Amino acid sequence: MDQLPHHPHHPHLVHRDQPLHLAGITTRTTNAAEFSPATAKIAPLWQRFFSERVAQSVPGYSPQSALYGVYSAYASDAMGAFDLSAAVLATEVPEGLDAVTVPAGPYLVFEAQGPMPATVIALWAAVWQHFQDQPAYPRRYASDFEEYRGDGRIAISIGVELP
């Protein structure tokens, strides 16, 4: 049995009954742009999130709170532009931050635990491989999100269409 810390578990289907309401900062990018450090926007977004202490400015945040990376506003599919928001759960959105909503609905959840960012990169590779292989549940390309829960635990939830 393979017990590597970055080895993803088999995905499972979850139906979120309620939307998630978050506050954070947002950038727009493409997967192609992320392959070059000169054009990548994801790492700088997270660097800004931590250096500006964005999470700490949101009422109700605690060091035990999960952090979220929310992918939304897809122009088309995996090749098109999308928004990424680095955010935390919020009941109110402080001035200067973006309100981010993850809609209710069905999500295919992939989970892993290990050192970052290697674990999240490996988990996204598993996500892309899964959806290249004619999955039972096709991607919606509406909203997807990463949930970082501490101790190197991450869950990537991909919005899917039910048959």
N, C-alpha and C. Protein backbone atom coordinates (compact mmCIF):
# COMPACT_ATOMS: atom_id res chain seq x y z
N MET A 1 0.85 -1.19 0.00
CA MET A 1 0.00 0.00 0.00
C MET A 1 0.88 1.23 0.00
N ASP A 2 0.62 2.15 -0.89
CA ASP A 2 1.39 3.38 -1.02
C ASP A 2 0.98 4.35 0.08
N GLN A 3 1.91 4.73 0.95
CA GLN A 3 1.60 5.63 2.05
C GLN A 3 2.35 6.96 1.94
N LEU A 4 2.73 7.36 0.75
CA LEU A 4 3.41 8.63 0.59
C LEU A 4 2.50 9.75 1.08
N PRO A 5 3.06 10.77 1.76
CA PRO A 5 2.21 11.81 2.34
C PRO A 5 1.44 12.61 1.30
N HIS A 6 1.93 12.68 0.06
CA HIS A 6 1.24 13.47 -0.96
C HIS A 6 0.31 12.63 -1.83
N HIS A 7 0.23 11.34 -1.53
CA HIS A 7 -0.61 10.46 -2.35
C HIS A 7 -2.08 10.78 -2.12
N PRO A 8 -2.83 11.21 -3.15
CA PRO A 8 -4.22 11.59 -2.94
C PRO A 8 -5.12 10.39 -2.68
N HIS A 9 -6.11 10.62 -1.85
CA HIS A 9 -7.15 9.61 -1.63
C HIS A 9 -8.06 9.61 -2.85
N HIS A 10 -8.84 8.55 -2.97
CA HIS A 10 -9.82 8.53 -4.04
C HIS A 10 -10.85 9.63 -3.77
N PRO A 11 -11.27 10.34 -4.80
CA PRO A 11 -12.23 11.43 -4.58
C PRO A 11 -13.59 10.89 -4.14
N HIS A 12 -14.32 11.72 -3.41
CA HIS A 12 -15.67 11.35 -3.00
C HIS A 12 -16.62 12.52 -3.29
N LEU A 13 -17.88 12.18 -3.57
CA LEU A 13 -18.89 13.16 -3.93
C LEU A 13 -19.53 13.73 -2.66
N VAL A 14 -19.59 15.06 -2.59
CA VAL A 14 -20.21 15.75 -1.46
C VAL A 14 -21.20 16.75 -2.02
N HIS A 15 -22.39 16.81 -1.42
CA HIS A 15 -23.36 17.85 -1.81
C HIS A 15 -23.37 18.91 -0.72
N ARG A 16 -22.89 20.12 -1.07
CA ARG A 16 -22.91 21.24 -0.12
C ARG A 16 -24.31 21.83 -0.14
N ASP A 17 -24.99 21.77 1.01
CA ASP A 17 -26.35 22.29 1.11
C ASP A 17 -26.38 23.81 1.20
N GLN A 18 -25.33 24.41 1.73
CA GLN A 18 -25.28 25.86 1.92
C GLN A 18 -24.06 26.43 1.21
N PRO A 19 -24.16 27.65 0.70
CA PRO A 19 -22.98 28.29 0.12
C PRO A 19 -21.99 28.66 1.22
N LEU A 20 -20.74 28.83 0.84
CA LEU A 20 -19.72 29.36 1.74
C LEU A 20 -19.58 30.84 1.45
N HIS A 21 -19.54 31.66 2.49
CA HIS A 21 -19.35 33.09 2.34
C HIS A 21 -17.98 33.43 2.92
N LEU A 22 -17.14 34.02 2.08
CA LEU A 22 -15.76 34.29 2.46
C LEU A 22 -15.38 35.73 2.15
N ALA A 23 -14.23 36.14 2.69
CA ALA A 23 -13.65 37.45 2.38
C ALA A 23 -12.17 37.23 2.11
N GLY A 24 -11.64 37.95 1.10
CA GLY A 24 -10.23 37.79 0.77
C GLY A 24 -9.80 38.72 -0.34
N ILE A 25 -8.75 38.30 -1.03
CA ILE A 25 -8.21 39.08 -2.15
C ILE A 25 -8.21 38.20 -3.39
N THR A 26 -8.32 38.83 -4.56
CA THR A 26 -8.55 38.09 -5.80
C THR A 26 -7.61 38.54 -6.91
N THR A 27 -7.24 37.59 -7.77
CA THR A 27 -6.49 37.89 -8.99
C THR A 27 -7.11 37.09 -10.12
N ARG A 28 -6.81 37.48 -11.37
CA ARG A 28 -7.28 36.73 -12.54
C ARG A 28 -6.05 36.21 -13.27
N THR A 29 -6.10 34.93 -13.67
CA THR A 29 -4.94 34.30 -14.30
C THR A 29 -5.40 33.18 -15.22
N THR A 30 -4.44 32.47 -15.80
CA THR A 30 -4.70 31.27 -16.60
C THR A 30 -3.70 30.20 -16.18
N ASN A 31 -4.02 28.95 -16.46
CA ASN A 31 -3.06 27.88 -16.15
C ASN A 31 -1.78 28.07 -16.94
N ALA A 32 -1.87 28.55 -18.19
CA ALA A 32 -0.68 28.78 -19.00
C ALA A 32 0.24 29.82 -18.35
N ALA A 33 -0.35 30.89 -17.81
CA ALA A 33 0.45 31.94 -17.16
C ALA A 33 1.17 31.41 -15.93
N GLU A 34 0.59 30.43 -15.27
CA GLU A 34 1.17 29.91 -14.03
C GLU A 34 2.41 29.05 -14.26
N PHE A 35 2.67 28.65 -15.51
CA PHE A 35 3.85 27.84 -15.80
C PHE A 35 5.14 28.65 -15.84
N SER A 36 5.04 29.97 -15.87
CA SER A 36 6.22 30.83 -15.92
C SER A 36 6.25 31.74 -14.70
N PRO A 37 7.35 31.76 -13.94
CA PRO A 37 7.44 32.66 -12.79
C PRO A 37 7.22 34.13 -13.17
N ALA A 38 7.55 34.50 -14.39
CA ALA A 38 7.41 35.89 -14.82
C ALA A 38 5.94 36.31 -14.94
N THR A 39 5.05 35.36 -15.25
CA THR A 39 3.64 35.70 -15.45
C THR A 39 2.72 35.08 -14.39
N ALA A 40 3.26 34.24 -13.52
CA ALA A 40 2.45 33.58 -12.50
C ALA A 40 1.86 34.61 -11.53
N LYS A 41 0.60 34.40 -11.16
CA LYS A 41 -0.07 35.31 -10.24
C LYS A 41 -0.53 34.63 -8.95
N ILE A 42 -0.56 33.30 -8.95
CA ILE A 42 -1.07 32.59 -7.78
C ILE A 42 -0.12 32.73 -6.58
N ALA A 43 1.16 32.43 -6.77
CA ALA A 43 2.11 32.55 -5.65
C ALA A 43 2.16 33.98 -5.11
N PRO A 44 2.23 35.02 -5.98
CA PRO A 44 2.21 36.39 -5.45
C PRO A 44 0.93 36.73 -4.68
N LEU A 45 -0.21 36.17 -5.12
CA LEU A 45 -1.47 36.41 -4.40
C LEU A 45 -1.37 35.87 -2.97
N TRP A 46 -0.90 34.63 -2.84
CA TRP A 46 -0.78 34.04 -1.50
C TRP A 46 0.27 34.77 -0.66
N GLN A 47 1.37 35.20 -1.30
CA GLN A 47 2.39 35.97 -0.56
C GLN A 47 1.78 37.24 -0.01
N ARG A 48 0.98 37.94 -0.83
CA ARG A 48 0.32 39.16 -0.38
C ARG A 48 -0.69 38.85 0.73
N PHE A 49 -1.44 37.75 0.58
CA PHE A 49 -2.43 37.34 1.58
C PHE A 49 -1.77 37.21 2.95
N PHE A 50 -0.59 36.58 2.99
CA PHE A 50 0.10 36.39 4.27
C PHE A 50 0.83 37.65 4.73
N SER A 51 1.51 38.35 3.82
CA SER A 51 2.28 39.53 4.23
C SER A 51 1.38 40.67 4.70
N GLU A 52 0.20 40.80 4.10
CA GLU A 52 -0.74 41.85 4.50
C GLU A 52 -1.69 41.38 5.60
N ARG A 53 -1.50 40.15 6.07
CA ARG A 53 -2.31 39.59 7.15
C ARG A 53 -3.81 39.74 6.86
N VAL A 54 -4.19 39.36 5.64
CA VAL A 54 -5.58 39.49 5.20
C VAL A 54 -6.52 38.71 6.11
N ALA A 55 -6.19 37.45 6.42
CA ALA A 55 -7.08 36.62 7.25
C ALA A 55 -7.33 37.28 8.60
N GLN A 56 -6.28 37.84 9.18
CA GLN A 56 -6.40 38.44 10.50
C GLN A 56 -7.30 39.67 10.51
N SER A 57 -7.54 40.27 9.34
CA SER A 57 -8.40 41.46 9.27
C SER A 57 -9.88 41.11 9.18
N VAL A 58 -10.20 39.82 9.06
CA VAL A 58 -11.60 39.38 8.91
C VAL A 58 -12.17 39.03 10.29
N PRO A 59 -13.27 39.68 10.69
CA PRO A 59 -13.88 39.37 11.98
C PRO A 59 -14.21 37.88 12.10
N GLY A 60 -13.88 37.31 13.26
CA GLY A 60 -14.17 35.90 13.50
C GLY A 60 -13.03 34.97 13.14
N TYR A 61 -12.00 35.47 12.45
CA TYR A 61 -10.87 34.62 12.08
C TYR A 61 -10.11 34.21 13.34
N SER A 62 -9.63 32.97 13.37
CA SER A 62 -8.71 32.53 14.43
C SER A 62 -7.60 31.73 13.76
N PRO A 63 -6.48 31.53 14.43
CA PRO A 63 -5.39 30.75 13.83
C PRO A 63 -5.81 29.33 13.46
N GLN A 64 -6.90 28.83 14.04
CA GLN A 64 -7.39 27.48 13.70
C GLN A 64 -8.32 27.49 12.48
N SER A 65 -8.69 28.68 12.00
CA SER A 65 -9.60 28.77 10.86
C SER A 65 -8.95 28.21 9.60
N ALA A 66 -9.76 27.57 8.77
CA ALA A 66 -9.28 27.08 7.47
C ALA A 66 -9.04 28.27 6.54
N LEU A 67 -8.09 28.08 5.63
CA LEU A 67 -7.84 29.05 4.56
C LEU A 67 -8.39 28.45 3.27
N TYR A 68 -8.89 29.31 2.38
CA TYR A 68 -9.51 28.85 1.15
C TYR A 68 -8.87 29.50 -0.06
N GLY A 69 -8.68 28.71 -1.10
CA GLY A 69 -8.35 29.21 -2.42
C GLY A 69 -9.56 28.92 -3.29
N VAL A 70 -10.25 29.96 -3.77
CA VAL A 70 -11.50 29.77 -4.50
C VAL A 70 -11.29 30.14 -5.97
N TYR A 71 -11.60 29.20 -6.84
CA TYR A 71 -11.47 29.39 -8.29
C TYR A 71 -12.87 29.63 -8.84
N SER A 72 -13.04 30.74 -9.57
CA SER A 72 -14.38 31.08 -10.06
C SER A 72 -14.27 31.93 -11.32
N ALA A 73 -15.42 32.35 -11.83
CA ALA A 73 -15.50 33.20 -13.02
C ALA A 73 -14.68 32.62 -14.18
N TYR A 74 -14.85 31.32 -14.39
CA TYR A 74 -14.14 30.65 -15.49
C TYR A 74 -14.61 31.21 -16.83
N ALA A 75 -13.66 31.59 -17.69
CA ALA A 75 -14.00 32.07 -19.03
C ALA A 75 -14.52 30.93 -19.89
N SER A 76 -13.98 29.71 -19.68
CA SER A 76 -14.38 28.58 -20.50
C SER A 76 -14.15 27.27 -19.74
N ASP A 77 -12.91 26.76 -19.83
CA ASP A 77 -12.58 25.48 -19.21
C ASP A 77 -11.19 25.61 -18.60
N ALA A 78 -10.46 24.50 -18.48
CA ALA A 78 -9.13 24.52 -17.84
C ALA A 78 -8.14 25.39 -18.62
N MET A 79 -8.41 25.67 -19.89
CA MET A 79 -7.49 26.48 -20.69
C MET A 79 -7.78 27.98 -20.61
N GLY A 80 -8.95 28.34 -20.13
CA GLY A 80 -9.35 29.75 -20.11
C GLY A 80 -8.95 30.46 -18.82
N ALA A 81 -9.21 31.76 -18.82
CA ALA A 81 -8.91 32.58 -17.64
C ALA A 81 -9.89 32.27 -16.51
N PHE A 82 -9.45 32.52 -15.27
CA PHE A 82 -10.30 32.32 -14.10
C PHE A 82 -9.83 33.26 -13.00
N ASP A 83 -10.71 33.48 -12.02
CA ASP A 83 -10.36 34.23 -10.83
C ASP A 83 -9.89 33.26 -9.76
N LEU A 84 -8.91 33.68 -8.97
CA LEU A 84 -8.53 32.94 -7.77
C LEU A 84 -8.57 33.92 -6.61
N SER A 85 -9.29 33.52 -5.57
CA SER A 85 -9.36 34.32 -4.35
C SER A 85 -8.72 33.55 -3.20
N ALA A 86 -7.84 34.21 -2.47
CA ALA A 86 -7.29 33.68 -1.22
C ALA A 86 -8.16 34.27 -0.12
N ALA A 87 -8.83 33.41 0.67
CA ALA A 87 -9.89 33.92 1.53
C ALA A 87 -10.08 33.07 2.78
N VAL A 88 -10.91 33.59 3.70
CA VAL A 88 -11.34 32.88 4.89
C VAL A 88 -12.85 33.06 5.04
N LEU A 89 -13.48 32.16 5.81
CA LEU A 89 -14.91 32.30 6.07
C LEU A 89 -15.18 33.64 6.73
N ALA A 90 -16.31 34.26 6.37
CA ALA A 90 -16.60 35.60 6.89
C ALA A 90 -18.10 35.80 7.01
N THR A 91 -18.51 36.48 8.08
CA THR A 91 -19.90 36.90 8.22
C THR A 91 -20.05 38.33 7.73
N GLU A 92 -18.95 39.07 7.68
CA GLU A 92 -18.94 40.41 7.10
C GLU A 92 -17.62 40.59 6.37
N VAL A 93 -17.63 41.44 5.34
CA VAL A 93 -16.45 41.65 4.50
C VAL A 93 -15.84 43.02 4.83
N PRO A 94 -14.64 43.03 5.40
CA PRO A 94 -14.00 44.30 5.71
C PRO A 94 -13.74 45.13 4.45
N GLU A 95 -13.72 46.44 4.61
CA GLU A 95 -13.44 47.34 3.50
C GLU A 95 -12.09 46.98 2.88
N GLY A 96 -12.04 46.98 1.55
CA GLY A 96 -10.81 46.68 0.84
C GLY A 96 -10.65 45.21 0.47
N LEU A 97 -11.53 44.35 1.00
CA LEU A 97 -11.48 42.93 0.65
C LEU A 97 -12.64 42.58 -0.26
N ASP A 98 -12.49 41.47 -0.97
CA ASP A 98 -13.53 40.99 -1.88
C ASP A 98 -14.44 40.00 -1.17
N ALA A 99 -15.75 40.12 -1.42
CA ALA A 99 -16.70 39.10 -0.98
C ALA A 99 -16.63 37.95 -1.98
N VAL A 100 -16.51 36.75 -1.47
CA VAL A 100 -16.37 35.56 -2.31
C VAL A 100 -17.42 34.55 -1.85
N THR A 101 -18.20 34.02 -2.80
CA THR A 101 -19.21 33.02 -2.46
C THR A 101 -18.94 31.74 -3.23
N VAL A 102 -18.92 30.62 -2.50
CA VAL A 102 -18.85 29.30 -3.11
C VAL A 102 -20.28 28.76 -3.10
N PRO A 103 -20.87 28.53 -4.28
CA PRO A 103 -22.27 28.11 -4.31
C PRO A 103 -22.48 26.71 -3.74
N ALA A 104 -23.69 26.48 -3.24
CA ALA A 104 -24.09 25.13 -2.84
C ALA A 104 -24.12 24.25 -4.09
N GLY A 105 -24.10 22.95 -3.88
CA GLY A 105 -24.19 22.03 -5.01
C GLY A 105 -23.24 20.86 -4.86
N PRO A 106 -23.17 20.03 -5.90
CA PRO A 106 -22.32 18.83 -5.83
C PRO A 106 -20.85 19.15 -6.13
N TYR A 107 -19.97 18.58 -5.32
CA TYR A 107 -18.52 18.74 -5.50
C TYR A 107 -17.85 17.38 -5.35
N LEU A 108 -16.86 17.14 -6.19
CA LEU A 108 -16.01 15.97 -6.05
C LEU A 108 -14.80 16.41 -5.24
N VAL A 109 -14.55 15.76 -4.11
CA VAL A 109 -13.53 16.20 -3.15
C VAL A 109 -12.32 15.26 -3.20
N PHE A 110 -11.15 15.86 -3.40
CA PHE A 110 -9.87 15.17 -3.41
C PHE A 110 -9.11 15.64 -2.17
N GLU A 111 -8.51 14.70 -1.41
CA GLU A 111 -7.83 15.08 -0.18
C GLU A 111 -6.43 14.50 -0.12
N ALA A 112 -5.55 15.25 0.57
CA ALA A 112 -4.18 14.79 0.77
C ALA A 112 -3.60 15.51 1.99
N GLN A 113 -2.45 15.02 2.44
CA GLN A 113 -1.75 15.66 3.54
C GLN A 113 -0.26 15.54 3.28
N GLY A 114 0.47 16.65 3.52
CA GLY A 114 1.91 16.64 3.31
C GLY A 114 2.45 18.06 3.23
N PRO A 115 3.73 18.21 2.93
CA PRO A 115 4.34 19.55 2.88
C PRO A 115 3.80 20.37 1.71
N MET A 116 3.62 21.67 1.96
CA MET A 116 3.17 22.59 0.92
C MET A 116 4.38 23.32 0.35
N PRO A 117 4.39 23.70 -0.92
CA PRO A 117 3.28 23.56 -1.87
C PRO A 117 3.28 22.25 -2.64
N ALA A 118 4.24 21.35 -2.37
CA ALA A 118 4.35 20.11 -3.15
C ALA A 118 3.06 19.29 -3.10
N THR A 119 2.41 19.25 -1.93
CA THR A 119 1.21 18.43 -1.79
C THR A 119 0.06 18.97 -2.63
N VAL A 120 -0.15 20.29 -2.61
CA VAL A 120 -1.25 20.85 -3.40
C VAL A 120 -0.98 20.71 -4.89
N ILE A 121 0.27 20.83 -5.31
CA ILE A 121 0.62 20.65 -6.72
C ILE A 121 0.34 19.21 -7.15
N ALA A 122 0.75 18.24 -6.32
CA ALA A 122 0.50 16.83 -6.64
C ALA A 122 -0.99 16.52 -6.65
N LEU A 123 -1.73 17.14 -5.73
CA LEU A 123 -3.17 16.88 -5.67
C LEU A 123 -3.87 17.46 -6.90
N TRP A 124 -3.47 18.66 -7.35
CA TRP A 124 -4.05 19.21 -8.58
C TRP A 124 -3.72 18.33 -9.78
N ALA A 125 -2.53 17.74 -9.81
CA ALA A 125 -2.19 16.81 -10.91
C ALA A 125 -3.15 15.63 -10.90
N ALA A 126 -3.50 15.14 -9.72
CA ALA A 126 -4.47 14.03 -9.62
C ALA A 126 -5.85 14.48 -10.08
N VAL A 127 -6.23 15.71 -9.75
CA VAL A 127 -7.52 16.25 -10.20
C VAL A 127 -7.57 16.30 -11.73
N TRP A 128 -6.53 16.90 -12.34
CA TRP A 128 -6.50 17.01 -13.81
C TRP A 128 -6.52 15.64 -14.46
N GLN A 129 -5.77 14.68 -13.90
CA GLN A 129 -5.76 13.33 -14.46
C GLN A 129 -7.14 12.71 -14.37
N HIS A 130 -7.79 12.87 -13.24
CA HIS A 130 -9.13 12.31 -13.05
C HIS A 130 -10.10 12.82 -14.12
N PHE A 131 -10.07 14.12 -14.39
CA PHE A 131 -11.03 14.70 -15.34
C PHE A 131 -10.63 14.49 -16.80
N GLN A 132 -9.40 14.03 -17.05
CA GLN A 132 -9.01 13.66 -18.42
C GLN A 132 -9.52 12.27 -18.78
N ASP A 133 -9.85 11.49 -17.76
CA ASP A 133 -10.20 10.08 -17.96
C ASP A 133 -11.70 9.83 -18.05
N GLN A 134 -12.46 10.70 -18.72
CA GLN A 134 -13.91 10.52 -18.89
C GLN A 134 -14.59 10.21 -17.56
N PRO A 135 -14.61 11.18 -16.65
CA PRO A 135 -15.18 10.92 -15.32
C PRO A 135 -16.70 10.76 -15.35
N ALA A 136 -17.21 10.13 -14.31
CA ALA A 136 -18.66 9.95 -14.18
C ALA A 136 -19.36 11.29 -13.98
N TYR A 137 -18.66 12.24 -13.34
CA TYR A 137 -19.22 13.55 -13.06
C TYR A 137 -18.36 14.62 -13.74
N PRO A 138 -18.84 15.24 -14.85
CA PRO A 138 -18.05 16.27 -15.52
C PRO A 138 -17.96 17.56 -14.70
N ARG A 139 -16.87 18.29 -14.89
CA ARG A 139 -16.68 19.58 -14.20
C ARG A 139 -17.71 20.60 -14.65
N ARG A 140 -18.15 21.44 -13.72
CA ARG A 140 -19.09 22.53 -14.03
C ARG A 140 -18.36 23.77 -14.53
N TYR A 141 -17.11 23.97 -14.09
CA TYR A 141 -16.37 25.21 -14.38
C TYR A 141 -17.16 26.43 -13.92
N ALA A 142 -17.70 26.34 -12.69
CA ALA A 142 -18.40 27.46 -12.08
C ALA A 142 -17.62 27.91 -10.85
N SER A 143 -17.37 26.97 -9.94
CA SER A 143 -16.62 27.28 -8.73
C SER A 143 -15.95 26.02 -8.21
N ASP A 144 -14.68 26.13 -7.88
CA ASP A 144 -13.90 25.06 -7.26
C ASP A 144 -13.16 25.70 -6.09
N PHE A 145 -12.76 24.90 -5.10
CA PHE A 145 -12.02 25.52 -4.01
C PHE A 145 -11.08 24.55 -3.31
N GLU A 146 -9.99 25.13 -2.82
CA GLU A 146 -9.03 24.45 -1.97
C GLU A 146 -9.35 24.84 -0.53
N GLU A 147 -9.30 23.87 0.38
CA GLU A 147 -9.48 24.16 1.80
C GLU A 147 -8.24 23.65 2.53
N TYR A 148 -7.50 24.58 3.11
CA TYR A 148 -6.30 24.26 3.87
C TYR A 148 -6.66 24.24 5.34
N ARG A 149 -6.51 23.05 5.98
CA ARG A 149 -7.00 22.89 7.35
C ARG A 149 -5.88 22.76 8.38
N GLY A 150 -4.67 23.10 8.03
CA GLY A 150 -3.57 22.98 8.99
C GLY A 150 -2.96 21.60 8.97
N ASP A 151 -1.77 21.47 9.54
CA ASP A 151 -1.02 20.20 9.57
C ASP A 151 -0.81 19.62 8.18
N GLY A 152 -0.75 20.49 7.16
CA GLY A 152 -0.52 20.02 5.80
C GLY A 152 -1.70 19.31 5.18
N ARG A 153 -2.90 19.45 5.77
CA ARG A 153 -4.10 18.82 5.22
C ARG A 153 -4.76 19.76 4.22
N ILE A 154 -5.10 19.21 3.07
CA ILE A 154 -5.79 19.99 2.04
C ILE A 154 -6.87 19.15 1.39
N ALA A 155 -7.99 19.82 1.07
CA ALA A 155 -9.06 19.21 0.29
C ALA A 155 -9.31 20.13 -0.90
N ILE A 156 -9.36 19.57 -2.09
CA ILE A 156 -9.73 20.33 -3.29
C ILE A 156 -11.12 19.84 -3.70
N SER A 157 -12.07 20.77 -3.73
CA SER A 157 -13.46 20.45 -4.09
C SER A 157 -13.74 21.02 -5.48
N ILE A 158 -14.10 20.15 -6.39
CA ILE A 158 -14.36 20.51 -7.78
C ILE A 158 -15.85 20.45 -8.05
N GLY A 159 -16.45 21.57 -8.46
CA GLY A 159 -17.86 21.59 -8.80
C GLY A 159 -18.14 20.68 -9.99
N VAL A 160 -19.12 19.79 -9.85
CA VAL A 160 -19.42 18.83 -10.91
C VAL A 160 -20.90 18.87 -11.26
N GLU A 161 -21.21 18.29 -12.42
CA GLU A 161 -22.58 18.13 -12.89
C GLU A 161 -23.00 16.70 -12.60
N LEU A 162 -24.18 16.55 -12.05
CA LEU A 162 -24.69 15.19 -11.81
C LEU A 162 -25.43 14.72 -13.06
N PRO A 163 -25.35 13.43 -13.35
CA PRO A 163 -26.03 12.91 -14.55
C PRO A 163 -27.54 13.02 -14.45
